[in-house]
Amino acid sequence: MDTVLSGIRSTGHLHLGNYFGALRNFVKIQDTYNCFFFIADLHSLTTHPHPTDLHNGVHIILSEYLAAGLDPYKCALFVQSDIPEVCELFVLLNMLAYKGEMERTASFKDKVRQNPDNVNTGLLTYPVLMAADILIHRAKYVPVGKDQEQHLEIARLLARRFNNMYGVDVFPEPQAFNFGANLVKVPGLDGSGKMGKSEGNGIFLYEDDKSITKKVMRAVTDSGPTEPNSPKPEVIENLFTLMNLVSESDTLAFFDEKWNDCSIRYGDLKKQLATDICKTVAPIRERIDAISNDADYLRKVAALGRDKARESASATLKLAREAVGFKAF
């Protein structure tokens, strides 16, 4: 069975983009792929979170992963820092990664521009740690967005470089996993781009109805259509994309007709969209509450995922250490 691996940083809450863009599809593939899902708390250290915030972030993401439908008995759902083998492989791969390569990555250059006072080495070698996350489980597929494609290419490069240097075939070259017709790009509420944590344009799975409604009512629009059946500008198409995800088909058809005959009222559209988003989020939010308050269950899930992930990781690291030449006396 082919292995799929995906991770998310342990900062903030999951949003609708995470849910509709990937999580629903992850739930569907748990039975057909060997799935590893992890919470990337080591990666979050580049921003120097407070120790309490670090643990709380892991708690939040673990609860929300489970509430969204991931089954810890069907997949390996684990915390990155619980797998020490990742750190050792990270060291080995760092010896094969070069400063110039890391400095040329788009993500590093973006972080330098955004945070010139916090250009730590962890930011520079961030793609190498990502490669270690992937290669330690010899994952064949990794779901990635456009902004992560360069990191996946670095993982392939390091896999090739390791295999060639040591004359082995330890690491497969991971490929991007595409959900095909099920792949969804969820737009933000600011009128452009995708929904994201850092962009401040998201609606979160653990968000109350009042906050959701306020955000939707403030979403960017325009002055409205002036000609029947005219193309929708991006800011309006974004709202219809969100409505397509959360509303009934006849609701979407109703507002589409209103757009086409130039009688659309954006206030009415936003109210309906907010109502339907709240309806979608409410049961997930209830599950998050139940799960996040069950400390025994969360400990059990984390331990189960850790054991599954370490079994896979230790087998890979053994092969890598032998290839490099580490031997016991």
Protein backbone atom coordinates (compact mmCIF):
# COMPACT_ATOMS: atom_id res chain seq x y z
CA MET A 1 0.00 0.00 0.00
CA ASP A 2 1.45 3.39 -1.03
CA THR A 3 2.31 5.85 1.74
CA VAL A 4 0.87 9.38 1.90
CA LEU A 5 2.25 11.93 4.37
CA SER A 6 0.94 15.35 5.36
CA GLY A 7 1.66 17.77 8.20
CA ILE A 8 0.45 21.08 9.55
CA ARG A 9 2.18 23.56 11.86
CA SER A 10 1.01 23.63 15.47
CA THR A 11 -0.01 27.28 15.38
CA GLY A 12 -3.56 28.61 15.42
CA HIS A 13 -6.71 26.76 14.43
CA LEU A 14 -7.64 24.87 11.27
CA HIS A 15 -9.73 26.91 8.85
CA LEU A 16 -12.23 26.15 6.09
CA GLY A 17 -9.38 26.08 3.57
CA ASN A 18 -7.71 23.25 5.51
CA TYR A 19 -11.00 21.40 5.82
CA PHE A 20 -12.38 21.65 2.29
CA GLY A 21 -8.97 21.83 0.61
CA ALA A 22 -7.54 18.65 2.11
CA LEU A 23 -8.99 17.24 5.32
CA ARG A 24 -12.22 15.90 3.84
CA ASN A 25 -10.16 14.11 1.21
CA PHE A 26 -7.72 12.76 3.79
CA VAL A 27 -10.66 11.19 5.59
CA LYS A 28 -11.65 9.46 2.35
CA ILE A 29 -8.20 7.99 1.63
CA GLN A 30 -7.50 6.54 5.09
CA ASP A 31 -8.75 3.14 3.97
CA THR A 32 -6.84 3.00 0.69
CA TYR A 33 -3.41 4.47 1.55
CA ASN A 34 -0.90 4.06 4.35
CA CYS A 35 -1.44 7.55 5.80
CA PHE A 36 0.78 9.54 8.14
CA PHE A 37 -0.54 12.86 9.46
CA PHE A 38 1.60 14.87 11.84
CA ILE A 39 1.52 18.08 13.84
CA ALA A 40 4.68 20.02 13.05
CA ASP A 41 5.63 21.49 16.42
CA LEU A 42 9.35 21.45 15.63
CA HIS A 43 8.74 23.66 12.60
CA SER A 44 6.84 26.16 14.74
CA LEU A 45 9.99 26.83 16.80
CA THR A 46 11.26 29.17 14.08
CA THR A 47 8.86 31.79 15.50
CA HIS A 48 9.96 31.17 19.12
CA PRO A 49 6.55 30.39 20.65
CA HIS A 50 6.13 30.45 24.43
CA PRO A 51 6.34 26.90 25.88
CA THR A 52 2.72 27.03 27.00
CA ASP A 53 1.59 28.21 23.56
CA LEU A 54 3.60 25.44 21.91
CA HIS A 55 1.79 22.71 23.84
CA ASN A 56 -1.60 24.38 23.49
CA GLY A 57 -1.10 24.58 19.73
CA VAL A 58 -0.46 20.84 19.54
CA HIS A 59 -3.54 20.20 21.68
CA ILE A 60 -5.69 22.36 19.40
CA ILE A 61 -4.56 20.85 16.09
CA LEU A 62 -4.77 17.27 17.38
CA SER A 63 -8.34 17.85 18.59
CA GLU A 64 -9.35 19.51 15.34
CA TYR A 65 -7.77 16.80 13.16
CA LEU A 66 -9.83 14.22 15.02
CA ALA A 67 -13.01 16.32 14.94
CA ALA A 68 -12.63 16.70 11.18
CA GLY A 69 -12.73 12.92 10.76
CA LEU A 70 -9.21 11.48 10.90
CA ASP A 71 -9.33 8.02 12.49
CA PRO A 72 -6.27 7.20 14.66
CA TYR A 73 -6.92 3.48 14.10
CA LYS A 74 -6.80 3.85 10.31
CA CYS A 75 -3.83 6.22 10.05
CA ALA A 76 -0.79 7.35 12.02
CA LEU A 77 -1.73 10.66 13.63
CA PHE A 78 1.24 11.90 15.63
CA VAL A 79 3.23 14.82 17.01
CA GLN A 80 6.46 15.56 15.15
CA SER A 81 8.60 16.02 18.27
CA ASP A 82 7.59 12.55 19.49
CA ILE A 83 9.68 11.03 16.67
CA PRO A 84 13.39 11.59 17.49
CA GLU A 85 14.41 9.69 14.35
CA VAL A 86 13.29 12.73 12.34
CA CYS A 87 15.94 14.87 14.03
CA GLU A 88 18.73 12.39 13.32
CA LEU A 89 17.75 12.11 9.66
CA PHE A 90 17.59 15.90 9.56
CA VAL A 91 21.27 15.97 10.60
CA LEU A 92 22.24 13.46 7.92
CA LEU A 93 20.38 15.35 5.20
CA ASN A 94 21.84 18.68 6.31
CA MET A 95 25.26 17.34 5.35
CA LEU A 96 23.97 16.98 1.78
CA ALA A 97 22.19 20.33 1.56
CA TYR A 98 24.07 23.45 0.54
CA LYS A 99 23.78 26.99 1.82
CA GLY A 100 23.21 28.50 -1.62
CA GLU A 101 20.36 26.09 -2.35
CA MET A 102 18.58 26.95 0.88
CA GLU A 103 19.06 30.70 0.44
CA ARG A 104 17.40 30.52 -2.99
CA THR A 105 14.16 28.99 -1.71
CA ALA A 106 11.18 31.31 -2.08
CA SER A 107 9.95 30.62 1.46
CA PHE A 108 13.28 31.64 3.02
CA LYS A 109 13.44 34.86 1.04
CA ASP A 110 9.84 35.66 2.02
CA LYS A 111 10.55 35.06 5.71
CA VAL A 112 13.66 37.26 5.57
CA ARG A 113 11.59 40.08 4.09
CA GLN A 114 8.78 39.64 6.60
CA ASN A 115 10.93 39.16 9.71
CA PRO A 116 14.39 40.67 9.15
CA ASP A 117 15.12 40.55 12.90
CA ASN A 118 14.53 36.79 13.15
CA VAL A 119 16.56 35.21 10.35
CA ASN A 120 17.50 32.10 12.30
CA THR A 121 19.22 29.02 10.90
CA GLY A 122 16.02 27.06 11.42
CA LEU A 123 14.38 29.17 8.73
CA LEU A 124 17.28 28.51 6.37
CA THR A 125 17.15 24.73 6.86
CA TYR A 126 13.34 24.54 7.12
CA PRO A 127 13.10 22.64 3.78
CA VAL A 128 15.61 20.05 5.02
CA LEU A 129 13.52 19.32 8.09
CA MET A 130 10.49 19.02 5.80
CA ALA A 131 12.45 16.55 3.68
CA ALA A 132 13.30 14.55 6.81
CA ASP A 133 9.60 14.45 7.75
CA ILE A 134 8.79 12.98 4.33
CA LEU A 135 11.75 10.69 3.77
CA ILE A 136 11.76 9.13 7.26
CA HIS A 137 8.55 7.31 6.26
CA ARG A 138 9.64 6.80 2.66
CA ALA A 139 6.43 8.50 1.59
CA LYS A 140 5.52 8.13 -2.06
CA TYR A 141 2.95 10.93 -2.08
CA VAL A 142 2.74 14.30 -0.34
CA PRO A 143 -0.26 16.62 -0.74
CA VAL A 144 1.18 20.09 -1.33
CA GLY A 145 -0.06 23.46 -2.45
CA LYS A 146 1.70 25.63 -5.02
CA ASP A 147 3.59 27.39 -2.22
CA GLN A 148 5.14 24.09 -1.06
CA GLU A 149 6.14 22.60 -4.41
CA GLN A 150 9.72 23.90 -4.11
CA HIS A 151 10.08 22.19 -0.73
CA LEU A 152 8.92 18.89 -2.22
CA GLU A 153 11.46 19.29 -5.00
CA ILE A 154 14.19 19.72 -2.36
CA ALA A 155 13.01 16.48 -0.71
CA ARG A 156 13.37 14.71 -4.07
CA LEU A 157 16.79 16.28 -4.59
CA LEU A 158 18.04 15.14 -1.18
CA ALA A 159 16.63 11.64 -1.68
CA ARG A 160 18.49 11.38 -5.01
CA ARG A 161 21.66 12.85 -3.56
CA PHE A 162 21.69 10.47 -0.60
CA ASN A 163 21.02 7.41 -2.75
CA ASN A 164 23.70 8.40 -5.28
CA MET A 165 26.35 9.31 -2.72
CA TYR A 166 26.04 6.05 -0.80
CA GLY A 167 25.11 3.76 -3.69
CA VAL A 168 21.82 2.67 -2.12
CA ASP A 169 18.12 2.87 -2.83
CA VAL A 170 16.92 3.86 0.62
CA PHE A 171 14.67 6.78 -0.29
CA PRO A 172 12.01 6.92 -3.00
CA GLU A 173 11.52 10.31 -4.62
CA PRO A 174 8.20 11.65 -3.25
CA GLN A 175 5.62 12.96 -5.67
CA ALA A 176 2.88 15.54 -5.24
CA PHE A 177 -0.45 13.98 -4.34
CA ASN A 178 -3.34 15.40 -6.31
CA PHE A 179 -6.91 14.78 -5.29
CA GLY A 180 -7.92 15.26 -8.92
CA ALA A 181 -11.50 16.40 -9.32
CA ASN A 182 -11.77 16.69 -5.53
CA LEU A 183 -9.01 19.30 -5.27
CA VAL A 184 -10.48 22.57 -4.01
CA LYS A 185 -8.85 25.97 -3.68
CA VAL A 186 -10.73 27.76 -0.92
CA PRO A 187 -10.55 31.56 -1.28
CA GLY A 188 -10.10 34.01 1.55
CA LEU A 189 -12.53 36.77 2.44
CA ASP A 190 -10.20 39.60 1.43
CA GLY A 191 -11.02 39.32 -2.25
CA SER A 192 -7.92 37.54 -3.53
CA GLY A 193 -5.71 34.54 -2.92
CA LYS A 194 -6.40 31.45 -0.86
CA MET A 195 -7.62 31.22 2.69
CA GLY A 196 -4.71 31.02 5.15
CA LYS A 197 -3.72 31.52 8.78
CA SER A 198 -1.04 34.12 8.17
CA GLU A 199 -3.15 36.11 5.69
CA GLY A 200 -5.83 36.90 8.27
CA ASN A 201 -8.57 36.08 5.77
CA GLY A 202 -9.84 32.77 7.16
CA ILE A 203 -12.86 31.32 8.90
CA PHE A 204 -11.84 28.73 11.46
CA LEU A 205 -13.44 25.42 12.36
CA TYR A 206 -13.51 26.50 16.01
CA GLU A 207 -15.16 29.87 15.57
CA ASP A 208 -18.45 31.09 17.02
CA ASP A 209 -21.41 32.08 14.84
CA LYS A 210 -21.17 35.77 15.73
CA SER A 211 -17.53 35.99 14.64
CA ILE A 212 -18.18 34.06 11.42
CA THR A 213 -21.12 36.28 10.51
CA LYS A 214 -19.14 39.44 11.19
CA LYS A 215 -16.30 38.28 8.95
CA VAL A 216 -18.58 37.27 6.09
CA MET A 217 -20.57 40.51 6.20
CA ARG A 218 -17.29 42.44 5.88
CA ALA A 219 -16.11 40.39 2.87
CA VAL A 220 -14.96 42.43 -0.12
CA THR A 221 -17.50 42.99 -2.93
CA ASP A 222 -17.97 45.44 -5.80
CA SER A 223 -20.76 47.77 -7.00
CA GLY A 224 -22.66 44.92 -8.64
CA PRO A 225 -23.29 43.70 -12.22
CA THR A 226 -24.39 46.22 -14.83
CA GLU A 227 -25.06 43.82 -17.71
CA PRO A 228 -27.00 40.50 -17.65
CA ASN A 229 -24.96 37.29 -17.64
CA SER A 230 -21.67 39.12 -17.25
CA PRO A 231 -18.59 37.33 -15.88
CA LYS A 232 -18.12 37.57 -12.12
CA PRO A 233 -15.03 39.45 -10.94
CA GLU A 234 -12.70 37.55 -8.62
CA VAL A 235 -14.00 39.10 -5.40
CA ILE A 236 -17.54 37.93 -6.24
CA GLU A 237 -16.49 34.57 -7.64
CA ASN A 238 -14.77 33.94 -4.31
CA LEU A 239 -18.09 34.31 -2.45
CA PHE A 240 -19.82 31.97 -4.89
CA THR A 241 -16.99 29.45 -4.47
CA LEU A 242 -17.52 29.48 -0.70
CA MET A 243 -21.27 29.17 -1.18
CA ASN A 244 -20.74 26.19 -3.47
CA LEU A 245 -18.92 24.45 -0.61
CA VAL A 246 -21.42 25.06 2.18
CA SER A 247 -24.83 25.81 0.65
CA GLU A 248 -27.55 23.75 -1.01
CA SER A 249 -27.45 23.64 -4.80
CA ASP A 250 -30.77 25.48 -5.14
CA THR A 251 -29.44 28.28 -2.92
CA LEU A 252 -26.40 28.67 -5.14
CA ALA A 253 -28.62 28.58 -8.25
CA PHE A 254 -30.89 31.27 -6.77
CA PHE A 255 -28.08 33.76 -6.21
CA ASP A 256 -26.47 32.88 -9.51
CA GLU A 257 -29.74 33.78 -11.23
CA LYS A 258 -29.89 37.02 -9.26
CA TRP A 259 -26.38 37.84 -10.50
CA ASN A 260 -27.27 37.06 -14.08
CA ASP A 261 -30.36 39.31 -14.11
CA CYS A 262 -28.52 42.10 -12.24
CA SER A 263 -30.88 42.01 -9.23
CA ILE A 264 -28.43 40.53 -6.73
CA ARG A 265 -28.22 42.07 -3.26
CA TYR A 266 -24.85 41.35 -1.71
CA GLY A 267 -26.22 41.79 1.79
CA ASP A 268 -28.69 38.95 1.22
CA LEU A 269 -25.99 36.74 -0.31
CA LYS A 270 -23.64 37.34 2.62
CA LYS A 271 -26.34 36.65 5.21
CA GLN A 272 -27.16 33.35 3.54
CA LEU A 273 -23.49 32.45 3.18
CA ALA A 274 -22.84 33.22 6.86
CA THR A 275 -25.83 31.10 7.89
CA ASP A 276 -24.64 28.15 5.81
CA ILE A 277 -21.04 28.40 7.03
CA CYS A 278 -22.26 28.45 10.64
CA LYS A 279 -24.39 25.39 9.92
CA THR A 280 -21.35 23.58 8.47
CA VAL A 281 -18.99 24.53 11.28
CA ALA A 282 -21.33 23.97 14.24
CA PRO A 283 -21.13 20.13 14.44
CA ILE A 284 -17.36 20.19 13.94
CA ARG A 285 -17.02 22.80 16.69
CA GLU A 286 -19.10 20.60 19.02
CA ARG A 287 -16.83 17.62 18.31
CA ILE A 288 -13.75 19.77 18.93
CA ASP A 289 -15.14 20.75 22.34
CA ALA A 290 -15.83 17.14 23.27
CA ILE A 291 -12.48 15.83 22.09
CA SER A 292 -10.32 18.67 23.45
CA ASN A 293 -11.78 18.14 26.92
CA ASP A 294 -11.03 14.40 26.89
CA ALA A 295 -7.40 14.38 28.02
CA ASP A 296 -7.24 10.59 28.34
CA TYR A 297 -8.40 10.10 24.76
CA LEU A 298 -5.91 12.63 23.40
CA ARG A 299 -3.05 10.95 25.27
CA LYS A 300 -4.13 7.60 23.88
CA VAL A 301 -4.31 8.95 20.33
CA ALA A 302 -0.91 10.65 20.57
CA ALA A 303 0.72 7.49 21.97
CA LEU A 304 -0.86 5.30 19.31
CA GLY A 305 0.31 7.61 16.54
CA ARG A 306 3.78 7.91 18.06
CA ASP A 307 4.22 4.14 18.17
CA LYS A 308 3.09 3.70 14.56
CA ALA A 309 5.30 6.52 13.33
CA ARG A 310 8.37 5.42 15.30
CA GLU A 311 8.09 1.87 13.97
CA SER A 312 8.19 3.25 10.44
CA ALA A 313 10.85 5.87 11.18
CA SER A 314 13.24 3.54 13.02
CA ALA A 315 13.21 1.06 10.13
CA THR A 316 14.15 3.82 7.68
CA LEU A 317 16.80 5.34 9.94
CA LYS A 318 18.44 1.94 10.38
CA LEU A 319 18.90 1.72 6.61
CA ALA A 320 20.17 5.30 6.40
CA ARG A 321 22.69 4.81 9.22
CA GLU A 322 24.00 1.62 7.62
CA ALA A 323 24.36 3.41 4.29
CA VAL A 324 26.34 6.26 5.86
CA GLY A 325 28.59 3.79 7.69
CA PHE A 326 27.53 3.99 11.32
CA LYS A 327 28.15 0.62 12.95
CA ALA A 328 28.03 -0.65 16.50
CA PHE A 329 31.25 -1.96 18.08
